[in-house]
Amino acid sequence: MTDTDLKPLDLSRPATTTATAARQLAVDACPPFLLNHSERTFAWACLLADFDSMSFDRELLYVGAVLHDLGLTPAYDGPRCFEREGALAAGRFAASHGWAADRCEHLAESIRLHMQPRVIPEDGAEGYLLSEATSCDVRGHRLSEIDPNTARRVLERFPRLGFGEAFIKLLEDQARTKPGCLADLYLERGIAERIRSAPFDT
């Protein structure tokens, strides 16, 4: 399946220099299971935006989706919660590609928000959609609202590659090295069990 195949569903990635560079950064930094998660996140975000009748900045949402978990990779991990490390890295990346300071900050804030327990549209369309879409891919949140054939095509194009257990391990690594971070708190509240019971094959 190619981007052209998905264009009628409006799921193709933006054809901009920055979007292309963001994907390459993710390819270089992320293991395949995490890269595919990021690509699926963009697809779910577009589909949920359509369901919610929301407009959004397509390039910013894609860059946010493909870079939102940079803080879980060795090259971009640091002392802060991973969503904050990823937000900082993404903001620096966007600035290096000529984005205005306020747009860089909006990108970073959208990534920071995706780990918060509740994000609403008033927090910004991109932050809200990133939160909804990552929750969809991690634990099946709102998956039932997406056409099953469309969901199948997304999963075929970007297979999960054992995402559930691999992601739990990343969260456990964060919790061990950064006690009290959101990953730690969510593990205490049963996120691993919700990931394992999500309606996906792996």
C-alpha atoms as a PDB file:
ATOM      1  CA  MET A   1       0.000   0.000   0.000  1.00  0.00           C
ATOM      2  CA  THR A   2       1.264   3.477  -0.849  1.00  0.00           C
ATOM      3  CA  ASP A   3       0.445   6.990   0.277  1.00  0.00           C
ATOM      4  CA  THR A   4      -1.576   7.336  -2.921  1.00  0.00           C
ATOM      5  CA  ASP A   5      -3.757   4.410  -1.853  1.00  0.00           C
ATOM      6  CA  LEU A   6      -4.620   6.210   1.368  1.00  0.00           C
ATOM      7  CA  LYS A   7      -5.255   9.686  -0.054  1.00  0.00           C
ATOM      8  CA  PRO A   8      -9.037   9.192  -0.386  1.00  0.00           C
ATOM      9  CA  LEU A   9      -9.024   8.615   3.388  1.00  0.00           C
ATOM     10  CA  ASP A  10      -6.930  11.755   3.896  1.00  0.00           C
ATOM     11  CA  LEU A  11      -4.245   9.853   5.779  1.00  0.00           C
ATOM     12  CA  SER A  12      -1.201  10.569   3.620  1.00  0.00           C
ATOM     13  CA  ARG A  13       1.655  12.339   5.373  1.00  0.00           C
ATOM     14  CA  PRO A  14       2.220  16.014   4.458  1.00  0.00           C
ATOM     15  CA  ALA A  15       4.517  16.518   1.479  1.00  0.00           C
ATOM     16  CA  THR A  16       6.630  19.219   3.110  1.00  0.00           C
ATOM     17  CA  THR A  17      10.357  19.393   3.682  1.00  0.00           C
ATOM     18  CA  THR A  18       9.872  19.596   7.441  1.00  0.00           C
ATOM     19  CA  ALA A  19       7.503  16.630   7.580  1.00  0.00           C
ATOM     20  CA  THR A  20       9.901  14.550   5.508  1.00  0.00           C
ATOM     21  CA  ALA A  21      12.829  15.537   7.731  1.00  0.00           C
ATOM     22  CA  ALA A  22      10.812  14.763  10.861  1.00  0.00           C
ATOM     23  CA  ARG A  23      10.070  11.279   9.604  1.00  0.00           C
ATOM     24  CA  GLN A  24      13.727  10.711   8.793  1.00  0.00           C
ATOM     25  CA  LEU A  25      14.689  11.801  12.293  1.00  0.00           C
ATOM     26  CA  ALA A  26      12.194   9.291  13.683  1.00  0.00           C
ATOM     27  CA  VAL A  27      13.480   6.559  11.359  1.00  0.00           C
ATOM     28  CA  ASP A  28      17.010   7.189  12.626  1.00  0.00           C
ATOM     29  CA  ALA A  29      16.054   7.347  16.315  1.00  0.00           C
ATOM     30  CA  CYS A  30      13.187   4.907  16.810  1.00  0.00           C
ATOM     31  CA  PRO A  31      12.998   1.115  16.653  1.00  0.00           C
ATOM     32  CA  PRO A  32      10.497  -0.048  14.002  1.00  0.00           C
ATOM     33  CA  PHE A  33       7.708  -0.826  16.492  1.00  0.00           C
ATOM     34  CA  LEU A  34       7.895   2.725  17.850  1.00  0.00           C
ATOM     35  CA  LEU A  35       8.132   4.324  14.401  1.00  0.00           C
ATOM     36  CA  ASN A  36       5.019   2.456  13.264  1.00  0.00           C
ATOM     37  CA  HIS A  37       3.219   3.546  16.434  1.00  0.00           C
ATOM     38  CA  SER A  38       3.994   7.149  15.541  1.00  0.00           C
ATOM     39  CA  GLU A  39       2.722   6.718  11.986  1.00  0.00           C
ATOM     40  CA  ARG A  40      -0.464   5.034  13.211  1.00  0.00           C
ATOM     41  CA  THR A  41      -0.916   7.862  15.694  1.00  0.00           C
ATOM     42  CA  PHE A  42      -1.113  10.353  12.828  1.00  0.00           C
ATOM     43  CA  ALA A  43      -3.623   8.155  10.992  1.00  0.00           C
ATOM     44  CA  TRP A  44      -5.849   7.738  14.070  1.00  0.00           C
ATOM     45  CA  ALA A  45      -5.616  11.492  14.730  1.00  0.00           C
ATOM     46  CA  CYS A  46      -6.812  12.319  11.211  1.00  0.00           C
ATOM     47  CA  LEU A  47      -9.682   9.846  11.486  1.00  0.00           C
ATOM     48  CA  LEU A  48     -10.756  11.082  14.915  1.00  0.00           C
ATOM     49  CA  ALA A  49     -10.526  14.694  13.716  1.00  0.00           C
ATOM     50  CA  ASP A  50     -12.940  13.788  10.935  1.00  0.00           C
ATOM     51  CA  PHE A  51     -15.242  12.065  13.441  1.00  0.00           C
ATOM     52  CA  ASP A  52     -15.129  15.124  15.722  1.00  0.00           C
ATOM     53  CA  SER A  53     -15.399  17.603  12.811  1.00  0.00           C
ATOM     54  CA  MET A  54     -12.183  19.309  13.906  1.00  0.00           C
ATOM     55  CA  SER A  55      -9.823  21.345  11.749  1.00  0.00           C
ATOM     56  CA  PHE A  56      -6.096  21.205  12.490  1.00  0.00           C
ATOM     57  CA  ASP A  57      -2.630  22.130  11.274  1.00  0.00           C
ATOM     58  CA  ARG A  58      -1.776  19.014   9.259  1.00  0.00           C
ATOM     59  CA  GLU A  59       1.981  19.539   9.171  1.00  0.00           C
ATOM     60  CA  LEU A  60       2.209  20.322  12.876  1.00  0.00           C
ATOM     61  CA  LEU A  61       0.086  17.317  13.772  1.00  0.00           C
ATOM     62  CA  TYR A  62       2.217  15.002  11.644  1.00  0.00           C
ATOM     63  CA  VAL A  63       5.491  16.306  13.042  1.00  0.00           C
ATOM     64  CA  GLY A  64       4.067  16.003  16.555  1.00  0.00           C
ATOM     65  CA  ALA A  65       2.862  12.452  15.913  1.00  0.00           C
ATOM     66  CA  VAL A  66       6.084  11.191  14.386  1.00  0.00           C
ATOM     67  CA  LEU A  67       8.289  12.826  17.043  1.00  0.00           C
ATOM     68  CA  HIS A  68       6.120  12.514  20.160  1.00  0.00           C
ATOM     69  CA  ASP A  69       8.033   9.539  21.605  1.00  0.00           C
ATOM     70  CA  LEU A  70      11.572  10.735  20.898  1.00  0.00           C
ATOM     71  CA  GLY A  71      12.118  10.949  24.643  1.00  0.00           C
ATOM     72  CA  LEU A  72      11.840   7.156  24.827  1.00  0.00           C
ATOM     73  CA  THR A  73      14.850   6.656  22.550  1.00  0.00           C
ATOM     74  CA  PRO A  74      18.481   6.512  23.731  1.00  0.00           C
ATOM     75  CA  ALA A  75      19.482   9.495  21.609  1.00  0.00           C
ATOM     76  CA  TYR A  76      16.880  11.802  23.180  1.00  0.00           C
ATOM     77  CA  ASP A  77      16.290  10.406  26.665  1.00  0.00           C
ATOM     78  CA  GLY A  78      17.206  12.644  29.563  1.00  0.00           C
ATOM     79  CA  PRO A  79      16.461  13.449  33.199  1.00  0.00           C
ATOM     80  CA  ARG A  80      12.902  14.730  32.626  1.00  0.00           C
ATOM     81  CA  CYS A  81       9.730  12.735  31.951  1.00  0.00           C
ATOM     82  CA  PHE A  82      10.001  11.359  28.419  1.00  0.00           C
ATOM     83  CA  GLU A  83       7.193  13.510  27.043  1.00  0.00           C
ATOM     84  CA  ARG A  84       9.085  16.609  28.151  1.00  0.00           C
ATOM     85  CA  GLU A  85      12.344  15.398  26.635  1.00  0.00           C
ATOM     86  CA  GLY A  86      10.514  14.641  23.399  1.00  0.00           C
ATOM     87  CA  ALA A  87       8.818  18.033  23.428  1.00  0.00           C
ATOM     88  CA  LEU A  88      12.146  19.816  23.829  1.00  0.00           C
ATOM     89  CA  ALA A  89      13.730  17.818  21.030  1.00  0.00           C
ATOM     90  CA  ALA A  90      10.796  18.401  18.701  1.00  0.00           C
ATOM     91  CA  GLY A  91      10.780  22.121  19.440  1.00  0.00           C
ATOM     92  CA  ARG A  92      14.475  22.364  18.637  1.00  0.00           C
ATOM     93  CA  PHE A  93      13.951  20.386  15.453  1.00  0.00           C
ATOM     94  CA  ALA A  94      11.131  22.679  14.298  1.00  0.00           C
ATOM     95  CA  ALA A  95      13.161  25.794  15.087  1.00  0.00           C
ATOM     96  CA  SER A  96      16.043  24.426  13.021  1.00  0.00           C
ATOM     97  CA  HIS A  97      13.613  24.148  10.104  1.00  0.00           C
ATOM     98  CA  GLY A  98      12.541  27.759  10.312  1.00  0.00           C
ATOM     99  CA  TRP A  99       9.299  27.516  12.262  1.00  0.00           C
ATOM    100  CA  ALA A 100       8.291  30.622  14.191  1.00  0.00           C
ATOM    101  CA  ALA A 101       8.841  30.510  17.938  1.00  0.00           C
ATOM    102  CA  ASP A 102       5.132  30.355  18.771  1.00  0.00           C
ATOM    103  CA  ARG A 103       4.594  27.431  16.385  1.00  0.00           C
ATOM    104  CA  CYS A 104       7.564  25.590  17.876  1.00  0.00           C
ATOM    105  CA  GLU A 105       6.104  26.080  21.328  1.00  0.00           C
ATOM    106  CA  HIS A 106       2.692  24.875  20.156  1.00  0.00           C
ATOM    107  CA  LEU A 107       4.322  21.728  18.797  1.00  0.00           C
ATOM    108  CA  ALA A 108       6.206  21.153  22.051  1.00  0.00           C
ATOM    109  CA  GLU A 109       3.096  21.770  24.146  1.00  0.00           C
ATOM    110  CA  SER A 110       1.083  19.318  22.046  1.00  0.00           C
ATOM    111  CA  ILE A 111       3.696  16.640  22.743  1.00  0.00           C
ATOM    112  CA  ARG A 112       3.847  17.473  26.456  1.00  0.00           C
ATOM    113  CA  LEU A 113       0.061  17.218  26.672  1.00  0.00           C
ATOM    114  CA  HIS A 114      -0.222  13.767  25.140  1.00  0.00           C
ATOM    115  CA  MET A 115       0.651  12.084  28.440  1.00  0.00           C
ATOM    116  CA  GLN A 116      -1.754  14.137  30.537  1.00  0.00           C
ATOM    117  CA  PRO A 117      -4.790  12.265  31.902  1.00  0.00           C
ATOM    118  CA  ARG A 118      -7.295  14.625  30.272  1.00  0.00           C
ATOM    119  CA  VAL A 119      -6.806  16.858  27.245  1.00  0.00           C
ATOM    120  CA  ILE A 120      -9.713  18.816  25.751  1.00  0.00           C
ATOM    121  CA  PRO A 121     -10.133  20.602  22.398  1.00  0.00           C
ATOM    122  CA  GLU A 122      -9.706  23.935  24.134  1.00  0.00           C
ATOM    123  CA  ASP A 123      -6.109  22.901  24.860  1.00  0.00           C
ATOM    124  CA  GLY A 124      -5.497  23.099  21.105  1.00  0.00           C
ATOM    125  CA  ALA A 125      -6.656  20.838  18.304  1.00  0.00           C
ATOM    126  CA  GLU A 126      -3.263  19.249  17.748  1.00  0.00           C
ATOM    127  CA  GLY A 127      -2.619  18.486  21.428  1.00  0.00           C
ATOM    128  CA  TYR A 128      -6.118  17.088  21.821  1.00  0.00           C
ATOM    129  CA  LEU A 129      -5.855  14.918  18.713  1.00  0.00           C
ATOM    130  CA  LEU A 130      -2.393  13.680  19.669  1.00  0.00           C
ATOM    131  CA  SER A 131      -3.718  12.673  23.083  1.00  0.00           C
ATOM    132  CA  GLU A 132      -6.781  10.928  21.635  1.00  0.00           C
ATOM    133  CA  ALA A 133      -4.765   9.156  18.936  1.00  0.00           C
ATOM    134  CA  THR A 134      -1.977   7.902  21.196  1.00  0.00           C
ATOM    135  CA  SER A 135      -4.623   6.587  23.599  1.00  0.00           C
ATOM    136  CA  CYS A 136      -6.289   4.872  20.648  1.00  0.00           C
ATOM    137  CA  ASP A 137      -3.089   3.147  19.582  1.00  0.00           C
ATOM    138  CA  VAL A 138      -1.876   2.269  23.068  1.00  0.00           C
ATOM    139  CA  ARG A 139      -5.094   0.992  24.655  1.00  0.00           C
ATOM    140  CA  GLY A 140      -7.805   1.046  21.973  1.00  0.00           C
ATOM    141  CA  HIS A 141      -9.492   4.272  23.150  1.00  0.00           C
ATOM    142  CA  ARG A 142     -12.211   5.223  20.607  1.00  0.00           C
ATOM    143  CA  LEU A 143     -11.111   2.542  18.154  1.00  0.00           C
ATOM    144  CA  SER A 144     -14.758   1.482  17.876  1.00  0.00           C
ATOM    145  CA  GLU A 145     -15.543   4.895  16.361  1.00  0.00           C
ATOM    146  CA  ILE A 146     -13.246   4.214  13.390  1.00  0.00           C
ATOM    147  CA  ASP A 147     -14.487   2.281  10.368  1.00  0.00           C
ATOM    148  CA  PRO A 148     -13.170  -1.289  10.792  1.00  0.00           C
ATOM    149  CA  ASN A 149     -11.978  -1.551   7.196  1.00  0.00           C
ATOM    150  CA  THR A 150     -10.070   1.698   7.522  1.00  0.00           C
ATOM    151  CA  ALA A 151      -8.558   0.584  10.824  1.00  0.00           C
ATOM    152  CA  ARG A 152      -7.495  -2.700   9.210  1.00  0.00           C
ATOM    153  CA  ARG A 153      -5.760  -0.845   6.373  1.00  0.00           C
ATOM    154  CA  VAL A 154      -3.872   1.362   8.828  1.00  0.00           C
ATOM    155  CA  LEU A 155      -2.733  -1.677  10.800  1.00  0.00           C
ATOM    156  CA  GLU A 156      -1.711  -3.504   7.631  1.00  0.00           C
ATOM    157  CA  ARG A 157       0.337  -0.568   6.440  1.00  0.00           C
ATOM    158  CA  PHE A 158       1.953   0.063   9.823  1.00  0.00           C
ATOM    159  CA  PRO A 159       1.942  -3.295  11.658  1.00  0.00           C
ATOM    160  CA  ARG A 160       2.278  -3.292  15.417  1.00  0.00           C
ATOM    161  CA  LEU A 161       5.381  -5.525  15.501  1.00  0.00           C
ATOM    162  CA  GLY A 162       4.837  -6.513  19.127  1.00  0.00           C
ATOM    163  CA  PHE A 163       4.182  -2.910  20.151  1.00  0.00           C
ATOM    164  CA  GLY A 164       2.280  -3.673  23.359  1.00  0.00           C
ATOM    165  CA  GLU A 165       4.957  -5.536  25.305  1.00  0.00           C
ATOM    166  CA  ALA A 166       7.776  -3.457  23.828  1.00  0.00           C
ATOM    167  CA  PHE A 167       6.052  -0.236  24.875  1.00  0.00           C
ATOM    168  CA  ILE A 168       5.369  -1.521  28.364  1.00  0.00           C
ATOM    169  CA  LYS A 169       9.077  -2.250  28.696  1.00  0.00           C
ATOM    170  CA  LEU A 170       9.918   1.318  27.671  1.00  0.00           C
ATOM    171  CA  LEU A 171       7.504   2.673  30.271  1.00  0.00           C
ATOM    172  CA  GLU A 172       8.994   0.384  32.915  1.00  0.00           C
ATOM    173  CA  ASP A 173      12.482   1.616  32.029  1.00  0.00           C
ATOM    174  CA  GLN A 174      11.289   5.213  32.451  1.00  0.00           C
ATOM    175  CA  ALA A 175       9.646   4.424  35.776  1.00  0.00           C
ATOM    176  CA  ARG A 176      12.799   2.735  37.083  1.00  0.00           C
ATOM    177  CA  THR A 177      15.106   5.619  36.157  1.00  0.00           C
ATOM    178  CA  LYS A 178      12.659   8.477  36.851  1.00  0.00           C
ATOM    179  CA  PRO A 179      10.485   7.593  39.850  1.00  0.00           C
ATOM    180  CA  GLY A 180       7.390   9.762  40.025  1.00  0.00           C
ATOM    181  CA  CYS A 181       7.246  10.528  36.297  1.00  0.00           C
ATOM    182  CA  LEU A 182       3.918  10.083  34.532  1.00  0.00           C
ATOM    183  CA  ALA A 183       5.013   6.736  33.091  1.00  0.00           C
ATOM    184  CA  ASP A 184       5.638   5.542  36.651  1.00  0.00           C
ATOM    185  CA  LEU A 185       2.258   6.819  37.859  1.00  0.00           C
ATOM    186  CA  TYR A 186       0.375   5.239  34.971  1.00  0.00           C
ATOM    187  CA  LEU A 187       2.056   1.890  35.571  1.00  0.00           C
ATOM    188  CA  GLU A 188       0.964   2.064  39.197  1.00  0.00           C
ATOM    189  CA  ARG A 189      -2.588   2.687  37.958  1.00  0.00           C
ATOM    190  CA  GLY A 190      -2.663  -0.340  35.671  1.00  0.00           C
ATOM    191  CA  ILE A 191      -1.699   0.953  32.239  1.00  0.00           C
ATOM    192  CA  ALA A 192       0.197  -2.266  31.449  1.00  0.00           C
ATOM    193  CA  GLU A 193      -2.961  -4.318  31.900  1.00  0.00           C
ATOM    194  CA  ARG A 194      -4.956  -1.925  29.722  1.00  0.00           C
ATOM    195  CA  ILE A 195      -2.301  -2.138  26.994  1.00  0.00           C
ATOM    196  CA  ARG A 196      -2.384  -5.937  27.121  1.00  0.00           C
ATOM    197  CA  SER A 197      -6.185  -6.002  26.912  1.00  0.00           C
ATOM    198  CA  ALA A 198      -6.381  -3.515  24.012  1.00  0.00           C
ATOM    199  CA  PRO A 199      -8.299  -4.834  20.969  1.00  0.00           C
ATOM    200  CA  PHE A 200      -5.231  -5.471  18.837  1.00  0.00           C
ATOM    201  CA  ASP A 201      -3.453  -8.670  17.880  1.00  0.00           C
ATOM    202  CA  THR A 202      -0.126  -7.588  19.399  1.00  0.00           C
END
